[in-house]
């Protein structure tokens, strides 16, 4: 669901449905838009589900469920995972402490089930959980000039830092909260949160006031995040162990017990998972799920493949055997094998590094 459809239409938007939500796919020539964002700044309307958790026991309740420590101070945020008892990812989320309530930004396709499940499990705690997705507009501002962009239109505060901290201010007549993102595109970035009724004015401000910005859609989001080596829900994350993805920024092994902790701790203590997330440079674009081969042996599969506008060639994220040393591999495309060169992530170095960039160093220490 978009809150600013008329403004998207004015810029020539083409729409698509993702997870039962209508979002902007692109505004024409997504490759050119990608390069404009990579070298400047762009704005995207994000399709999060938003969950509000309030009540005196709100922090304790959420902290007992998710994989990372919930921030105790107003103005702080964290990236966390919701795991099943087998340690596999059911959802990822950003958790923000907004004073008297927690705001959780979650994948839209899990919002309804998450709220229903958590409401059912509240017993004597003072906790209220509700789906507030329709109450907020959220816009991503990304690119190496995003700090200048935010500074040029934000009143009453400076651009926040570090990652996942936030400040409150205004843009025009609208009150906003500005969050320093954890750089999912590989460049500095922010998310601007406002009331749903203010969304059209805030979107317009972000595009044409102060430093100009280009609007971009989810096709460009896919290519930017792939170049940055950022695993996404659901293409990489859903149903997989966080250890396999090297998603250490979403885990806190020192906090109290959470669902799935026993499994991920066992994998952690074992030293290495069965698979790891890597990058592949390709000559042809494969489908998600395409098999990766080392000679005649299947060693993994593609999770997401895109045509990289920056590198001007196909690239892919793939899960391969953890101990695989070979870099010259092949991928099956339309029944034929095409060369694939394994490379370290990220594919493209920006002026920041994604907080979700896979990290395995701690798992390979002897």
Protein backbone atom coordinates (compact mmCIF):
# COMPACT_ATOMS: atom_id res chain seq x y z
CA UNK A 1 0.00 0.00 0.00
CA UNK A 2 1.36 3.41 -0.93
CA UNK A 3 0.43 6.61 0.90
CA UNK A 4 1.59 8.93 -1.88
CA UNK A 5 0.26 7.30 -5.04
CA UNK A 6 -0.50 10.55 -6.89
CA UNK A 7 3.05 11.77 -6.41
CA UNK A 8 4.43 8.45 -7.62
CA UNK A 9 2.20 8.74 -10.68
CA UNK A 10 3.50 12.24 -11.36
CA UNK A 11 6.98 10.77 -11.65
CA UNK A 12 5.89 7.99 -14.01
CA UNK A 13 5.78 5.13 -11.53
CA UNK A 14 5.24 1.52 -12.54
CA UNK A 15 3.80 -0.61 -9.74
CA UNK A 16 4.07 -4.23 -8.70
CA UNK A 17 2.63 -6.34 -5.90
CA UNK A 18 5.02 -7.62 -3.27
CA UNK A 19 3.75 -9.61 -0.32
CA UNK A 20 0.18 -8.47 -1.05
CA UNK A 21 1.24 -4.81 -1.03
CA UNK A 22 1.27 -2.45 -3.99
CA UNK A 23 4.67 -0.79 -4.21
CA UNK A 24 6.62 1.17 -6.80
CA UNK A 25 8.72 -1.12 -8.99
CA UNK A 26 10.45 1.72 -10.82
CA UNK A 27 9.97 5.10 -12.46
CA UNK A 28 11.42 4.09 -15.81
CA UNK A 29 15.05 3.20 -16.56
CA UNK A 30 15.82 1.69 -13.12
CA UNK A 31 19.47 1.15 -14.11
CA UNK A 32 19.96 4.86 -14.67
CA UNK A 33 18.17 5.60 -11.40
CA UNK A 34 20.46 3.12 -9.63
CA UNK A 35 23.53 5.05 -10.77
CA UNK A 36 21.95 8.36 -9.70
CA UNK A 37 21.39 7.00 -6.19
CA UNK A 38 24.83 5.37 -6.05
CA UNK A 39 26.48 8.71 -6.89
CA UNK A 40 24.04 11.10 -5.20
CA UNK A 41 20.87 10.55 -3.20
CA UNK A 42 17.50 8.89 -3.74
CA UNK A 43 14.21 8.46 -1.89
CA UNK A 44 12.06 5.33 -1.68
CA UNK A 45 8.74 4.73 0.06
CA UNK A 46 9.33 1.72 2.29
CA UNK A 47 6.70 -0.98 2.65
CA UNK A 48 7.28 -1.97 6.27
CA UNK A 49 4.73 -3.37 8.61
CA UNK A 50 4.78 -1.29 11.82
CA UNK A 51 4.04 -2.87 15.19
CA UNK A 52 3.60 -0.74 18.32
CA UNK A 53 4.33 -2.35 21.69
CA UNK A 54 3.38 -0.30 24.77
CA UNK A 55 2.84 -0.88 28.50
CA UNK A 56 5.20 -1.04 31.47
CA UNK A 57 6.52 -4.48 30.50
CA UNK A 58 7.06 -3.69 26.80
CA UNK A 59 10.87 -3.89 26.85
CA UNK A 60 10.99 -7.07 28.92
CA UNK A 61 8.39 -8.77 26.71
CA UNK A 62 10.07 -8.05 23.37
CA UNK A 63 13.55 -8.68 24.78
CA UNK A 64 12.49 -12.19 25.80
CA UNK A 65 11.34 -12.98 22.27
CA UNK A 66 13.87 -11.50 19.84
CA UNK A 67 17.52 -12.41 19.27
CA UNK A 68 19.11 -9.07 20.13
CA UNK A 69 19.00 -6.83 23.18
CA UNK A 70 16.16 -4.30 23.06
CA UNK A 71 17.47 -0.75 23.65
CA UNK A 72 16.59 0.79 27.00
CA UNK A 73 17.00 4.46 26.07
CA UNK A 74 14.71 6.69 24.02
CA UNK A 75 16.33 7.46 20.67
CA UNK A 76 18.06 4.11 20.26
CA UNK A 77 17.37 1.18 17.95
CA UNK A 78 18.64 -2.29 17.13
CA UNK A 79 18.39 -4.92 14.40
CA UNK A 80 16.92 -8.20 15.65
CA UNK A 81 15.55 -11.53 14.47
CA UNK A 82 12.53 -13.61 15.37
CA UNK A 83 13.49 -17.28 15.30
CA UNK A 84 11.56 -20.51 15.49
CA UNK A 85 12.53 -23.24 18.01
CA UNK A 86 14.91 -24.72 15.40
CA UNK A 87 16.77 -21.40 15.18
CA UNK A 88 15.49 -20.50 11.73
CA UNK A 89 14.49 -16.96 10.87
CA UNK A 90 10.76 -16.21 10.86
CA UNK A 91 11.21 -12.44 10.56
CA UNK A 92 13.79 -9.72 10.85
CA UNK A 93 13.01 -6.33 12.34
CA UNK A 94 14.26 -2.98 13.52
CA UNK A 95 13.27 -2.26 17.13
CA UNK A 96 13.23 1.40 18.22
CA UNK A 97 12.76 2.70 21.74
CA UNK A 98 10.43 5.69 21.31
CA UNK A 99 9.94 6.52 24.97
CA UNK A 100 6.58 5.19 26.12
CA UNK A 101 6.41 2.67 23.30
CA UNK A 102 8.53 0.45 21.09
CA UNK A 103 8.21 0.74 17.31
CA UNK A 104 9.00 -2.42 15.37
CA UNK A 105 9.54 -2.24 11.59
CA UNK A 106 8.88 -5.75 10.26
CA UNK A 107 8.35 -7.45 6.89
CA UNK A 108 4.76 -6.69 5.84
CA UNK A 109 3.91 -10.32 5.11
CA UNK A 110 4.52 -11.36 8.74
CA UNK A 111 2.93 -8.38 10.50
CA UNK A 112 -0.56 -9.80 11.01
CA UNK A 113 0.60 -13.20 12.20
CA UNK A 114 3.27 -11.71 14.49
CA UNK A 115 0.76 -9.42 16.21
CA UNK A 116 -1.80 -12.21 16.62
CA UNK A 117 0.80 -14.63 18.01
CA UNK A 118 2.27 -12.12 20.47
CA UNK A 119 -1.16 -10.97 21.65
CA UNK A 120 -2.08 -14.58 22.38
CA UNK A 121 1.06 -15.07 24.48
CA UNK A 122 0.57 -12.01 26.71
CA UNK A 123 -0.65 -13.19 30.09
CA UNK A 124 -0.15 -11.10 33.22
CA UNK A 125 2.35 -8.63 31.72
CA UNK A 126 1.38 -5.01 31.17
CA UNK A 127 1.83 -5.11 27.40
CA UNK A 128 -0.30 -3.92 24.48
CA UNK A 129 0.59 -5.01 20.95
CA UNK A 130 -1.05 -3.67 17.80
CA UNK A 131 -0.56 -3.36 14.07
CA UNK A 132 -0.03 0.34 13.36
CA UNK A 133 1.09 0.01 9.75
CA UNK A 134 -1.60 2.38 8.47
CA UNK A 135 -0.58 5.14 10.88
CA UNK A 136 2.92 5.85 9.58
CA UNK A 137 4.72 6.75 6.40
CA UNK A 138 8.35 5.62 6.12
CA UNK A 139 10.77 6.89 3.47
CA UNK A 140 14.30 5.68 2.89
CA UNK A 141 16.90 8.31 1.94
CA UNK A 142 20.05 6.64 0.59
CA UNK A 143 23.24 7.53 -1.21
CA UNK A 144 26.57 9.26 -0.51
CA UNK A 145 24.82 12.64 -0.36
CA UNK A 146 22.01 11.55 1.97
CA UNK A 147 23.42 13.37 5.00
CA UNK A 148 23.49 16.63 3.05
CA UNK A 149 19.96 15.91 1.85
CA UNK A 150 18.58 15.34 5.34
CA UNK A 151 20.46 18.32 6.76
CA UNK A 152 19.01 20.56 4.06
CA UNK A 153 15.37 19.87 5.04
CA UNK A 154 15.37 18.78 8.70
CA UNK A 155 14.51 21.47 11.21
CA UNK A 156 15.08 21.30 14.97
CA UNK A 157 17.78 18.63 14.93
CA UNK A 158 20.91 17.49 13.14
CA UNK A 159 21.30 14.26 11.19
CA UNK A 160 21.50 11.41 13.74
CA UNK A 161 24.44 9.12 14.37
CA UNK A 162 25.47 6.35 14.92
CA UNK A 163 23.54 3.65 13.05
CA UNK A 164 19.97 3.06 14.28
CA UNK A 165 19.87 6.11 16.53
CA UNK A 166 17.19 8.69 15.80
CA UNK A 167 16.18 12.29 16.36
CA UNK A 168 12.89 14.16 16.20
CA UNK A 169 12.32 17.34 14.23
CA UNK A 170 10.22 18.69 11.39
CA UNK A 171 10.20 18.95 7.62
CA UNK A 172 8.02 21.82 6.52
CA UNK A 173 4.95 21.69 8.75
CA UNK A 174 5.22 17.94 9.41
CA UNK A 175 6.74 16.38 12.48
CA UNK A 176 9.21 13.63 11.61
CA UNK A 177 11.55 11.14 13.19
CA UNK A 178 14.81 10.60 11.32
CA UNK A 179 16.68 7.33 11.85
CA UNK A 180 20.29 6.72 10.83
CA UNK A 181 20.04 3.50 8.84
CA UNK A 182 22.52 0.62 9.07
CA UNK A 183 23.53 1.26 5.44
CA UNK A 184 21.69 -1.54 3.59
CA UNK A 185 22.70 -0.01 0.23
CA UNK A 186 26.36 0.24 1.22
CA UNK A 187 26.18 4.03 1.43
CA UNK A 188 25.08 6.25 4.29
CA UNK A 189 21.34 6.49 4.61
CA UNK A 190 18.37 7.46 6.74
CA UNK A 191 14.74 6.58 7.23
CA UNK A 192 12.22 9.35 7.73
CA UNK A 193 9.10 8.42 9.70
CA UNK A 194 5.98 10.59 9.74
CA UNK A 195 2.24 10.40 10.35
CA UNK A 196 0.36 8.83 7.44
CA UNK A 197 -1.53 12.07 6.74
CA UNK A 198 1.77 13.96 6.39
CA UNK A 199 3.34 11.43 4.03
CA UNK A 200 2.63 13.29 0.74
CA UNK A 201 4.15 16.53 2.05
CA UNK A 202 7.18 14.78 3.50
CA UNK A 203 7.81 12.82 0.29
CA UNK A 204 7.61 16.01 -1.77
CA UNK A 205 9.96 17.79 0.63
CA UNK A 206 12.49 14.98 0.36
CA UNK A 207 12.41 15.09 -3.43
CA UNK A 208 12.45 18.79 -4.30
CA UNK A 209 13.35 20.90 -1.26
CA UNK A 210 16.94 21.52 -0.23
CA UNK A 211 19.29 19.18 -2.08
CA UNK A 212 17.38 17.47 -4.89
CA UNK A 213 16.88 13.71 -4.74
CA UNK A 214 15.72 11.14 -7.28
CA UNK A 215 12.78 8.82 -6.48
CA UNK A 216 13.48 5.11 -6.78
CA UNK A 217 11.51 1.89 -6.44
CA UNK A 218 12.04 -1.68 -5.34
CA UNK A 219 13.81 -2.81 -8.52
CA UNK A 220 16.58 -0.35 -7.68
CA UNK A 221 16.40 -1.32 -3.99
CA UNK A 222 17.13 -4.91 -5.04
CA UNK A 223 20.18 -3.96 -7.10
CA UNK A 224 21.59 -1.51 -4.53
CA UNK A 225 21.29 -3.97 -1.65
CA UNK A 226 22.68 -6.84 -3.72
CA UNK A 227 25.77 -4.80 -4.63
CA UNK A 228 26.17 -4.00 -0.91
CA UNK A 229 25.99 -7.68 0.08
CA UNK A 230 22.88 -7.14 2.21
CA UNK A 231 20.75 -10.26 2.78
CA UNK A 232 17.03 -9.49 2.62
CA UNK A 233 13.83 -10.99 3.91
CA UNK A 234 12.60 -13.18 2.38
CA UNK A 235 15.10 -14.04 -0.41
CA UNK A 236 18.05 -14.78 1.89
CA UNK A 237 16.74 -14.71 5.45
CA UNK A 238 13.45 -16.58 5.60
CA UNK A 239 13.74 -20.08 7.04
CA UNK A 240 17.52 -20.01 7.41
CA UNK A 241 19.85 -20.07 10.40
CA UNK A 242 21.37 -16.65 11.10
CA UNK A 243 24.79 -18.34 11.53
CA UNK A 244 24.64 -19.48 7.90
CA UNK A 245 24.11 -15.89 6.80
CA UNK A 246 26.85 -14.46 9.02
CA UNK A 247 24.18 -12.19 10.47
CA UNK A 248 26.02 -11.47 13.68
CA UNK A 249 24.65 -7.94 14.07
CA UNK A 250 21.24 -9.51 14.72
CA UNK A 251 22.39 -11.75 17.57
CA UNK A 252 23.40 -11.15 21.19
CA UNK A 253 24.68 -14.36 22.74
CA UNK A 254 25.17 -12.72 26.15
CA UNK A 255 21.50 -11.80 26.69
CA UNK A 256 18.90 -14.00 28.35
CA UNK A 257 17.27 -16.94 26.63
CA UNK A 258 15.21 -16.35 23.48
CA UNK A 259 13.40 -18.72 21.14
CA UNK A 260 15.93 -20.58 18.98
CA UNK A 261 18.94 -19.53 21.05
CA UNK A 262 19.92 -23.09 21.94
CA UNK A 263 20.30 -24.04 18.28
CA UNK A 264 22.19 -20.94 17.12
CA UNK A 265 24.47 -21.19 20.18
CA UNK A 266 25.28 -24.82 19.35
CA UNK A 267 26.19 -23.84 15.77
CA UNK A 268 28.26 -20.94 17.14
CA UNK A 269 30.14 -23.21 19.55
CA UNK A 270 30.71 -25.81 16.84
CA UNK A 271 32.81 -23.27 14.96
CA UNK A 272 31.21 -23.16 11.52
CA UNK A 273 27.78 -23.69 9.93
CA UNK A 274 27.22 -25.93 6.93
CA UNK A 275 26.83 -23.04 4.43
CA UNK A 276 27.92 -19.44 4.01
CA UNK A 277 26.71 -16.47 1.96
CA UNK A 278 29.05 -15.37 -0.83
CA UNK A 279 29.01 -13.27 -3.97
CA UNK A 280 29.22 -14.59 -7.52
CA UNK A 281 30.24 -12.71 -10.67
CA UNK A 282 28.40 -14.15 -13.67
CA UNK A 283 28.14 -13.93 -17.44
CA UNK A 284 24.42 -14.73 -17.51
CA UNK A 285 21.57 -14.03 -15.12
CA UNK A 286 20.30 -17.16 -13.29
CA UNK A 287 17.02 -17.67 -11.47
CA UNK A 288 16.80 -17.75 -7.70
CA UNK A 289 17.34 -21.32 -6.55
CA UNK A 290 19.69 -22.16 -9.43
CA UNK A 291 22.29 -24.73 -8.46
CA UNK A 292 25.95 -23.80 -7.99
CA UNK A 293 28.53 -26.42 -9.02
CA UNK A 294 32.18 -27.11 -8.34
CA UNK A 295 32.92 -29.41 -11.24
CA UNK A 296 30.21 -32.05 -11.17
CA UNK A 297 29.41 -31.51 -7.49
CA UNK A 298 26.52 -29.33 -6.36
CA UNK A 299 27.87 -27.01 -3.65
CA UNK A 300 25.04 -24.52 -3.15
CA UNK A 301 22.30 -22.40 -4.65
CA UNK A 302 21.54 -18.85 -5.77
CA UNK A 303 19.38 -16.84 -3.39
CA UNK A 304 19.12 -13.63 -5.46
CA UNK A 305 20.55 -12.54 -8.80
CA UNK A 306 20.45 -9.09 -10.45
CA UNK A 307 22.05 -7.20 -13.29
CA UNK A 308 24.46 -4.83 -11.54
CA UNK A 309 24.33 -1.35 -13.07
CA UNK A 310 27.60 -0.41 -11.34
CA UNK A 311 29.57 -3.44 -12.54
CA UNK A 312 27.62 -3.78 -15.80
CA UNK A 313 27.25 -7.54 -15.40
CA UNK A 314 25.09 -10.08 -13.58
CA UNK A 315 25.87 -10.74 -9.93
CA UNK A 316 24.34 -13.09 -7.39
CA UNK A 317 24.22 -13.86 -3.71
CA UNK A 318 24.58 -17.58 -3.10
CA UNK A 319 24.72 -20.03 -0.20
CA UNK A 320 27.61 -22.45 -0.72
CA UNK A 321 29.42 -25.06 1.37
CA UNK A 322 31.20 -23.30 4.22
CA UNK A 323 34.59 -24.90 3.58
CA UNK A 324 34.50 -24.45 -0.20
CA UNK A 325 37.86 -23.03 -1.35
CA UNK A 326 37.34 -23.05 -5.10
CA UNK A 327 36.58 -19.67 -6.69
CA UNK A 328 35.95 -20.85 -10.27
CA UNK A 329 32.46 -22.33 -10.17
CA UNK A 330 29.50 -22.76 -12.51
CA UNK A 331 25.79 -22.00 -12.28
CA UNK A 332 23.02 -23.68 -14.23
CA UNK A 333 21.07 -21.23 -16.43
CA UNK A 334 18.32 -22.57 -18.72
CA UNK A 335 19.76 -26.06 -18.40
CA UNK A 336 23.28 -24.96 -19.36
CA UNK A 337 26.23 -24.27 -17.10
CA UNK A 338 27.68 -20.76 -17.14
CA UNK A 339 30.91 -19.61 -15.43
CA UNK A 340 30.63 -18.08 -11.96
CA UNK A 341 33.50 -16.49 -10.07
CA UNK A 342 33.22 -16.42 -6.31
CA UNK A 343 34.09 -13.05 -4.77
CA UNK A 344 34.08 -11.44 -1.35
CA UNK A 345 31.19 -9.21 -0.36
CA UNK A 346 30.37 -6.41 -0.90
CA UNK A 347 30.48 -6.31 -4.68
CA UNK A 348 30.68 -2.51 -4.58
CA UNK A 349 32.35 -0.36 -1.92
CA UNK A 350 30.30 2.71 -0.97
CA UNK A 351 30.96 5.30 1.70
CA UNK A 352 29.54 3.00 4.41
CA UNK A 353 29.21 -0.73 4.97
CA UNK A 354 25.97 -2.62 5.42
CA UNK A 355 25.28 -3.67 9.00
CA UNK A 356 24.08 -7.01 7.63
CA UNK A 357 27.25 -7.75 5.66
CA UNK A 358 28.08 -11.39 6.46
CA UNK A 359 30.73 -11.83 9.16
CA UNK A 360 32.33 -15.24 9.72
CA UNK A 361 35.71 -14.31 11.26
CA UNK A 362 34.62 -15.26 14.77
CA UNK A 363 33.50 -18.66 13.48
CA UNK A 364 36.79 -19.56 11.83
CA UNK A 365 39.15 -18.88 14.73
CA UNK A 366 41.01 -22.05 15.68
